[in-house]
Amino acid sequence: MEYFGDRTWSTLSTSLLTLLVLWVAYIFVGMVEKFLITPMRLKRIMNRQGVQGPSAPLFVGNMPEVIRLQKASEEKDMKTGDYDIVARILPYHIQNCQAYVGDYMTNVTSDIIAKTAFGSSYKKGKKVLEQLFALVNLTNQRNKQRFATIPGYSIIPMPLNIKIILTKLAVSKSLGEIIQSRKDMVKGDNNAYGNDLLGFMLNAAMEEIAIEGGKVHFGMQSLIDNCKTFFLAGQETTSTLLTWTMMLLASHTTWQERAREEVIEVCGHKDHPIDANMFRKFKTLDMILNETLRLFSIVPVQNRQTLMDVHLGELHIPKGLALYFPRLAIHHDPTLWGEDVHEFKPERFVDGIAKATKHPLALMPFSFGPRFCVGQGFALDEAKSILVVILQ
């Protein structure tokens, strides 16, 4: 009996140990499936569709970051009369939207600007954009350095300055190759430069040559500089405008629905073609974009310098004086816009810009006068096009 009992106990122990091992293995495989394989699979599916998101640590995911942001938000008191509770209740939503909606808009506007500027040379244009972004980032790094304001600091052969110079040369080389390639392609037929921005500029250059009897005033460097300006001014500004617009529509769903209803009424549902004649019918989108441009001025400050003596009433403004226009402060001035100046209220533009404020030039996101931004129409049409597709 003792032998039989020991053997039985040994068999039972082995069986229990086997079951325990199988149970642990089952739990382990389940955890690997749930916390590693499934998240990776879902993230891969979304990434293929262009939807990005924050990286998630194993097992705990984004919850520690969500909790941290929530605690930081709750430690701050809200101002009396401030009903914008999204940033307080959903701070992680605001952070992720700023990080990933902005990236998405940057990619979309980069595609559009490259196609518009270079047409068939689109892929090379995208390369130039990447180089320009790198140049902007490097320049911003230098501007934040302690000695950046010292005269001549930018030409001192330090590692960052050398990197900036090399990136500038790379941008000019890439643009020069695209321009020369387009010139070589037409073989003397000036009308064959194409109907993209580069083609228009090359045609303009040829017309100047004909008018001036062979004197070139719009040469290679002018073409390169204009391409840089168009790229930087036309891409990042529209991307920023779209990012803020998406943030505001996400926080104010009533206006989001009004905009969607207008889009469906004017353009139809998804995949319905959009044409330029539809843009003038977007009254609600115009109001939303104007209010976004007012609240979040793309260029907060504008600088000008007088080229001649000017008299404004009794005020004498001498030649060479630097003028500073704080657009953002003007757009948030309660004496011009009323006490609700800090609120998102697109309805203030229901009767147009002139009647929305106490001064006809109080809204100047693209400046004003003869030197206003020539890309204003393009930027707004581009923004409307992208918003229409998203709202559809």
Protein backbone atom coordinates (compact mmCIF):
# COMPACT_ATOMS: atom_id res chain seq x y z
CA MET A 1 0.00 0.00 0.00
CA GLU A 2 2.80 2.38 0.80
CA TYR A 3 4.46 1.71 -2.59
CA PHE A 4 1.15 2.15 -4.39
CA GLY A 5 0.50 5.38 -2.50
CA ASP A 6 3.89 6.86 -3.34
CA ARG A 7 3.48 5.98 -7.01
CA THR A 8 0.02 7.45 -7.12
CA TRP A 9 1.21 10.64 -5.46
CA SER A 10 4.15 10.89 -7.88
CA THR A 11 1.85 10.48 -10.88
CA LEU A 12 -0.58 13.02 -9.48
CA SER A 13 2.24 15.49 -8.79
CA THR A 14 3.56 15.07 -12.33
CA SER A 15 0.08 15.62 -13.76
CA LEU A 16 -0.44 18.74 -11.65
CA LEU A 17 2.97 20.08 -12.61
CA THR A 18 2.18 19.44 -16.28
CA LEU A 19 -1.15 21.22 -15.95
CA LEU A 20 0.57 24.12 -14.18
CA VAL A 21 3.19 24.37 -16.94
CA LEU A 22 0.48 24.24 -19.61
CA TRP A 23 -1.55 26.88 -17.76
CA VAL A 24 1.49 29.17 -17.43
CA ALA A 25 2.32 28.61 -21.11
CA TYR A 26 -1.30 29.38 -22.03
CA ILE A 27 -1.26 32.58 -19.98
CA PHE A 28 2.13 33.57 -21.46
CA VAL A 29 1.02 32.95 -25.05
CA GLY A 30 -2.20 34.87 -24.37
CA MET A 31 -0.30 37.82 -22.95
CA VAL A 32 2.15 37.84 -25.86
CA GLU A 33 -0.81 37.73 -28.26
CA LYS A 34 -2.73 40.45 -26.41
CA PHE A 35 0.04 42.85 -25.47
CA LEU A 36 2.59 42.37 -28.28
CA ILE A 37 1.36 40.64 -31.43
CA THR A 38 -2.13 42.23 -31.61
CA PRO A 39 -0.96 45.82 -30.94
CA MET A 40 1.81 45.44 -33.53
CA ARG A 41 -0.65 44.01 -36.07
CA LEU A 42 -3.21 46.78 -35.49
CA LYS A 43 -0.54 49.50 -35.61
CA ARG A 44 0.82 48.06 -38.87
CA ILE A 45 -2.67 48.07 -40.42
CA MET A 46 -3.26 51.70 -39.43
CA ASN A 47 0.22 52.82 -40.50
CA ARG A 48 -0.36 51.38 -43.97
CA GLN A 49 -3.36 53.70 -44.22
CA GLY A 50 -1.30 56.72 -43.18
CA VAL A 51 -2.67 56.86 -39.63
CA GLN A 52 0.14 57.34 -37.10
CA GLY A 53 0.13 57.31 -33.31
CA PRO A 54 2.36 57.31 -30.23
CA SER A 55 4.58 54.34 -29.45
CA ALA A 56 3.19 52.09 -26.71
CA PRO A 57 5.45 50.46 -24.08
CA LEU A 58 5.00 46.71 -23.65
CA PHE A 59 2.14 45.57 -21.35
CA VAL A 60 1.20 49.01 -19.98
CA GLY A 61 0.64 50.78 -23.30
CA ASN A 62 0.08 54.56 -23.14
CA MET A 63 -1.73 54.57 -19.80
CA PRO A 64 1.22 55.94 -17.73
CA GLU A 65 1.51 58.90 -20.11
CA VAL A 66 -2.26 59.42 -20.13
CA ILE A 67 -2.32 59.43 -16.31
CA ARG A 68 0.65 61.81 -16.13
CA LEU A 69 -0.97 64.31 -18.49
CA GLN A 70 -4.29 64.03 -16.66
CA LYS A 71 -2.69 64.76 -13.28
CA ALA A 72 -0.74 67.71 -14.69
CA SER A 73 -3.94 69.12 -16.18
CA GLU A 74 -5.93 68.77 -12.95
CA GLU A 75 -3.26 70.59 -10.94
CA LYS A 76 -4.08 73.82 -12.82
CA ASP A 77 -7.22 75.83 -12.05
CA MET A 78 -9.44 76.87 -14.94
CA LYS A 79 -10.14 80.58 -15.35
CA THR A 80 -13.60 81.85 -14.54
CA GLY A 81 -15.75 81.81 -17.66
CA ASP A 82 -13.42 79.46 -19.51
CA TYR A 83 -15.56 76.65 -20.94
CA ASP A 84 -12.88 75.04 -23.08
CA ILE A 85 -12.74 71.81 -21.07
CA VAL A 86 -11.26 69.60 -23.79
CA ALA A 87 -7.67 70.43 -22.87
CA ARG A 88 -8.46 69.78 -19.19
CA ILE A 89 -10.46 66.56 -19.52
CA LEU A 90 -8.65 65.08 -22.53
CA PRO A 91 -5.09 66.46 -22.44
CA TYR A 92 -3.69 63.34 -24.11
CA HIS A 93 -6.11 63.87 -27.01
CA ILE A 94 -4.83 67.42 -27.50
CA GLN A 95 -1.19 66.29 -27.36
CA ASN A 96 -1.65 63.45 -29.84
CA CYS A 97 -3.64 65.62 -32.23
CA GLN A 98 -0.91 68.25 -32.20
CA ALA A 99 1.76 65.61 -32.80
CA TYR A 100 0.11 63.40 -35.42
CA VAL A 101 -2.57 65.52 -37.12
CA GLY A 102 0.14 68.09 -37.73
CA ASP A 103 2.43 65.47 -39.29
CA TYR A 104 -0.39 64.23 -41.51
CA MET A 105 -1.19 67.75 -42.70
CA THR A 106 2.49 68.42 -43.34
CA ASN A 107 2.70 65.36 -45.59
CA VAL A 108 -0.48 66.24 -47.48
CA THR A 109 0.49 69.86 -48.11
CA SER A 110 4.02 68.76 -49.08
CA ASP A 111 2.55 66.52 -51.77
CA ILE A 112 0.34 69.33 -53.09
CA ILE A 113 3.03 72.00 -53.11
CA ALA A 114 5.55 69.68 -54.80
CA LYS A 115 3.02 68.71 -57.50
CA THR A 116 1.95 72.33 -58.04
CA ALA A 117 5.48 73.66 -58.23
CA PHE A 118 7.19 70.94 -60.24
CA GLY A 119 4.50 68.81 -61.87
CA SER A 120 6.26 65.91 -63.55
CA SER A 121 9.35 66.53 -61.36
CA TYR A 122 7.24 65.86 -58.26
CA LYS A 123 9.54 63.28 -56.64
CA LYS A 124 12.57 65.54 -56.97
CA GLY A 125 10.47 68.36 -55.50
CA LYS A 126 9.71 66.24 -52.44
CA LYS A 127 13.46 65.76 -51.96
CA VAL A 128 13.95 69.54 -52.05
CA LEU A 129 11.21 69.97 -49.44
CA GLU A 130 12.97 67.55 -47.10
CA GLN A 131 16.21 69.48 -47.53
CA LEU A 132 14.42 72.78 -46.87
CA PHE A 133 12.82 71.43 -43.69
CA ALA A 134 16.23 70.28 -42.51
CA LEU A 135 17.61 73.76 -43.27
CA VAL A 136 14.80 75.44 -41.29
CA ASN A 137 15.37 73.16 -38.30
CA LEU A 138 19.11 73.81 -38.33
CA THR A 139 18.57 77.57 -38.58
CA ASN A 140 16.12 77.48 -35.67
CA GLN A 141 18.69 75.59 -33.61
CA ARG A 142 21.26 78.29 -34.30
CA ASN A 143 18.83 81.12 -33.51
CA LYS A 144 18.21 79.62 -30.06
CA GLN A 145 21.89 79.59 -29.17
CA ARG A 146 23.19 82.05 -26.61
CA PHE A 147 25.52 83.92 -28.97
CA ALA A 148 23.22 83.95 -32.02
CA THR A 149 22.65 87.71 -31.82
CA ILE A 150 26.36 88.57 -32.00
CA PRO A 151 27.13 90.19 -35.38
CA GLY A 152 29.03 87.79 -37.64
CA TYR A 153 28.22 84.72 -35.53
CA SER A 154 26.54 82.96 -38.46
CA ILE A 155 29.72 82.99 -40.56
CA ILE A 156 32.03 81.58 -37.87
CA PRO A 157 33.13 78.11 -39.08
CA MET A 158 31.46 76.17 -36.27
CA PRO A 159 29.92 72.69 -36.84
CA LEU A 160 26.31 73.93 -36.93
CA ASN A 161 27.11 76.85 -39.25
CA ILE A 162 29.02 74.54 -41.60
CA LYS A 163 26.08 72.14 -41.65
CA ILE A 164 23.72 75.01 -42.53
CA ILE A 165 25.97 76.14 -45.38
CA LEU A 166 26.23 72.60 -46.77
CA THR A 167 22.44 72.16 -46.58
CA LYS A 168 21.92 75.49 -48.39
CA LEU A 169 24.28 74.35 -51.14
CA ALA A 170 22.43 71.02 -51.38
CA VAL A 171 19.07 72.80 -51.78
CA SER A 172 20.44 75.10 -54.49
CA LYS A 173 22.05 72.15 -56.28
CA SER A 174 18.82 70.11 -56.24
CA LEU A 175 16.71 73.01 -57.47
CA GLY A 176 19.29 73.93 -60.08
CA GLU A 177 19.23 70.38 -61.46
CA ILE A 178 15.42 70.41 -61.72
CA ILE A 179 15.42 73.79 -63.47
CA GLN A 180 18.20 72.84 -65.88
CA SER A 181 16.51 69.54 -66.65
CA ARG A 182 13.30 71.35 -67.58
CA LYS A 183 15.25 73.80 -69.76
CA ASP A 184 17.03 70.97 -71.58
CA MET A 185 13.75 69.15 -72.11
CA VAL A 186 12.10 71.84 -74.23
CA LYS A 187 15.01 72.29 -76.66
CA GLY A 188 14.30 75.90 -77.57
CA ASP A 189 10.50 75.71 -77.52
CA ASN A 190 9.79 78.35 -74.88
CA ASN A 191 6.09 77.49 -74.74
CA ALA A 192 6.78 73.90 -73.69
CA TYR A 193 8.02 74.60 -70.17
CA GLY A 194 4.77 73.27 -68.72
CA ASN A 195 1.80 74.66 -66.80
CA ASP A 196 3.18 74.19 -63.29
CA LEU A 197 4.79 76.99 -61.25
CA LEU A 198 8.28 76.24 -62.55
CA GLY A 199 7.00 76.33 -66.12
CA PHE A 200 5.36 79.71 -65.56
CA MET A 201 8.53 81.16 -64.06
CA LEU A 202 10.67 79.86 -66.93
CA ASN A 203 8.26 81.35 -69.44
CA ALA A 204 8.42 84.66 -67.56
CA ALA A 205 12.22 84.53 -67.69
CA MET A 206 12.16 84.00 -71.45
CA GLU A 207 9.73 86.89 -71.93
CA GLU A 208 12.07 89.19 -70.02
CA ILE A 209 14.93 88.14 -72.28
CA ALA A 210 12.88 89.01 -75.36
CA ILE A 211 11.77 92.36 -73.96
CA GLU A 212 15.18 93.41 -72.70
CA GLY A 213 17.06 92.37 -75.81
CA GLY A 214 18.97 89.51 -74.27
CA LYS A 215 19.57 91.01 -70.82
CA VAL A 216 18.60 88.37 -68.26
CA HIS A 217 17.09 89.77 -65.05
CA PHE A 218 15.38 86.55 -63.95
CA GLY A 219 18.27 84.12 -64.01
CA MET A 220 19.02 80.79 -62.35
CA GLN A 221 19.54 82.23 -58.85
CA SER A 222 16.26 84.16 -59.05
CA LEU A 223 14.45 80.98 -60.06
CA ILE A 224 16.04 79.06 -57.19
CA ASP A 225 15.20 81.77 -54.64
CA ASN A 226 11.58 81.98 -55.81
CA CYS A 227 11.19 78.21 -55.60
CA LYS A 228 12.51 78.28 -52.02
CA THR A 229 10.08 81.04 -51.09
CA PHE A 230 7.11 79.27 -52.65
CA PHE A 231 7.96 75.99 -50.98
CA LEU A 232 8.51 77.34 -47.48
CA ALA A 233 5.75 79.96 -47.49
CA GLY A 234 3.21 77.74 -49.21
CA GLN A 235 3.70 74.47 -47.37
CA GLU A 236 4.28 75.03 -43.66
CA THR A 237 1.73 77.85 -43.36
CA THR A 238 -1.11 75.86 -44.91
CA SER A 239 -0.15 72.80 -42.89
CA THR A 240 -0.35 74.85 -39.68
CA LEU A 241 -3.71 76.36 -40.68
CA LEU A 242 -5.17 72.92 -41.37
CA THR A 243 -3.84 71.48 -38.11
CA TRP A 244 -5.47 74.22 -36.02
CA THR A 245 -8.69 73.97 -38.04
CA MET A 246 -8.91 70.22 -37.40
CA MET A 247 -8.26 70.79 -33.69
CA LEU A 248 -11.03 73.39 -33.47
CA LEU A 249 -13.54 71.29 -35.42
CA ALA A 250 -12.76 68.31 -33.19
CA SER A 251 -13.49 70.47 -30.13
CA HIS A 252 -16.58 72.18 -31.59
CA THR A 253 -18.60 69.37 -33.13
CA THR A 254 -21.58 71.62 -33.94
CA TRP A 255 -19.45 73.58 -36.39
CA GLN A 256 -17.94 70.35 -37.68
CA GLU A 257 -21.43 69.08 -38.56
CA ARG A 258 -22.39 72.41 -40.15
CA ALA A 259 -19.26 72.29 -42.29
CA ARG A 260 -19.92 68.67 -43.29
CA GLU A 261 -23.52 69.44 -44.25
CA GLU A 262 -22.32 72.29 -46.46
CA VAL A 263 -19.68 70.11 -48.11
CA ILE A 264 -22.19 67.32 -48.83
CA GLU A 265 -24.67 69.87 -50.21
CA VAL A 266 -22.10 71.51 -52.51
CA CYS A 267 -19.87 68.56 -53.46
CA GLY A 268 -21.78 65.39 -52.68
CA HIS A 269 -20.44 62.42 -50.77
CA LYS A 270 -17.05 60.68 -50.84
CA ASP A 271 -15.20 60.36 -54.18
CA HIS A 272 -17.37 63.02 -55.83
CA PRO A 273 -15.06 65.23 -57.95
CA ILE A 274 -14.28 68.76 -56.73
CA ASP A 275 -13.83 71.72 -59.08
CA ALA A 276 -12.76 75.31 -58.51
CA ASN A 277 -16.28 76.69 -59.10
CA MET A 278 -17.40 75.04 -55.85
CA PHE A 279 -15.01 77.06 -53.68
CA ARG A 280 -17.07 80.27 -53.79
CA LYS A 281 -20.09 78.36 -52.40
CA PHE A 282 -18.34 77.42 -49.14
CA LYS A 283 -19.70 80.09 -46.81
CA THR A 284 -19.40 78.04 -43.62
CA LEU A 285 -15.86 76.85 -44.46
CA ASP A 286 -14.87 80.47 -45.14
CA MET A 287 -16.17 81.51 -41.72
CA ILE A 288 -14.33 78.66 -40.00
CA LEU A 289 -11.03 79.34 -41.78
CA ASN A 290 -11.23 83.09 -41.09
CA GLU A 291 -11.85 82.45 -37.39
CA THR A 292 -8.99 79.95 -37.26
CA LEU A 293 -6.64 82.44 -38.95
CA ARG A 294 -7.72 85.07 -36.42
CA LEU A 295 -7.26 82.92 -33.32
CA PHE A 296 -4.05 81.22 -34.45
CA SER A 297 -2.19 83.64 -36.71
CA ILE A 298 0.17 81.63 -38.92
CA VAL A 299 2.67 84.49 -38.93
CA PRO A 300 2.21 86.27 -35.57
CA VAL A 301 4.47 89.23 -36.40
CA GLN A 302 5.12 91.10 -39.63
CA ASN A 303 8.17 93.29 -40.20
CA ARG A 304 8.59 95.96 -42.85
CA GLN A 305 11.14 98.68 -43.60
CA THR A 306 10.28 101.98 -45.27
CA LEU A 307 11.96 102.58 -48.63
CA MET A 308 11.21 106.31 -48.63
CA ASP A 309 10.03 109.09 -46.33
CA VAL A 310 6.31 108.77 -45.63
CA HIS A 311 3.83 111.12 -43.96
CA LEU A 312 0.80 109.65 -42.21
CA GLY A 313 -1.20 112.65 -41.12
CA GLU A 314 1.17 114.62 -38.89
CA LEU A 315 3.44 111.62 -38.35
CA HIS A 316 6.71 111.60 -40.28
CA ILE A 317 8.10 108.08 -40.93
CA PRO A 318 11.67 108.40 -42.26
CA LYS A 319 13.26 106.14 -44.85
CA GLY A 320 14.93 103.07 -43.37
CA LEU A 321 12.70 102.83 -40.29
CA ALA A 322 11.87 99.25 -39.23
CA LEU A 323 8.14 98.75 -38.63
CA TYR A 324 6.66 96.02 -36.48
CA PHE A 325 3.06 94.79 -36.95
CA PRO A 326 1.94 92.41 -34.17
CA ARG A 327 -0.72 90.53 -36.14
CA LEU A 328 -1.53 88.13 -33.31
CA ALA A 329 -2.11 90.98 -30.84
CA ILE A 330 -4.35 92.78 -33.34
CA HIS A 331 -6.35 89.60 -33.94
CA HIS A 332 -6.87 89.27 -30.15
CA ASP A 333 -7.64 92.91 -29.41
CA PRO A 334 -11.02 93.14 -27.60
CA THR A 335 -11.45 96.77 -28.67
CA LEU A 336 -11.59 95.54 -32.28
CA TRP A 337 -13.36 92.18 -31.87
CA GLY A 338 -15.37 92.46 -28.66
CA GLU A 339 -15.16 90.74 -25.28
CA ASP A 340 -15.54 87.30 -26.87
CA VAL A 341 -12.27 87.81 -28.74
CA HIS A 342 -10.67 84.65 -27.32
CA GLU A 343 -13.60 82.39 -28.18
CA PHE A 344 -14.04 80.30 -31.32
CA LYS A 345 -17.05 81.98 -32.95
CA PRO A 346 -17.03 81.66 -36.75
CA GLU A 347 -20.47 83.29 -36.87
CA ARG A 348 -18.78 86.65 -36.38
CA PHE A 349 -17.86 86.42 -40.10
CA VAL A 350 -21.40 85.60 -41.30
CA ASP A 351 -21.63 88.98 -43.07
CA GLY A 352 -18.03 89.01 -44.26
CA ILE A 353 -14.74 90.23 -42.81
CA ALA A 354 -15.54 93.96 -42.96
CA LYS A 355 -18.56 93.63 -40.64
CA ALA A 356 -16.92 91.19 -38.25
CA THR A 357 -14.79 93.85 -36.60
CA LYS A 358 -14.58 97.58 -35.94
CA HIS A 359 -11.81 98.11 -38.50
CA PRO A 360 -11.78 96.72 -42.06
CA LEU A 361 -8.10 95.69 -41.80
CA ALA A 362 -8.24 94.14 -38.33
CA LEU A 363 -7.94 90.67 -39.91
CA MET A 364 -4.70 90.45 -41.89
CA PRO A 365 -3.38 86.87 -41.84
CA PHE A 366 -1.89 87.39 -45.32
CA SER A 367 -0.94 91.04 -44.80
CA PHE A 368 -2.59 93.73 -46.93
CA GLY A 369 -1.87 96.40 -49.52
CA PRO A 370 0.25 96.00 -52.66
CA ARG A 371 2.70 93.66 -50.89
CA PHE A 372 0.16 91.20 -49.50
CA CYS A 373 0.92 87.48 -49.78
CA VAL A 374 0.55 86.47 -53.44
CA GLY A 375 -0.12 82.90 -52.34
CA GLN A 376 -3.28 83.80 -50.37
CA GLY A 377 -5.70 82.37 -52.93
CA PHE A 378 -3.65 79.21 -53.39
CA ALA A 379 -3.33 78.61 -49.63
CA LEU A 380 -7.06 79.02 -48.96
CA ASP A 381 -8.09 76.87 -51.94
CA GLU A 382 -5.63 74.19 -50.86
CA ALA A 383 -6.98 74.26 -47.30
CA LYS A 384 -10.57 74.04 -48.54
CA SER A 385 -9.75 71.14 -50.87
CA ILE A 386 -8.22 69.09 -48.07
CA LEU A 387 -11.00 69.90 -45.59
CA VAL A 388 -13.63 68.96 -48.17
CA VAL A 389 -12.07 65.52 -48.71
CA ILE A 390 -11.79 64.91 -44.95
CA LEU A 391 -15.35 66.08 -44.22
CA GLN A 392 -16.75 63.99 -47.07
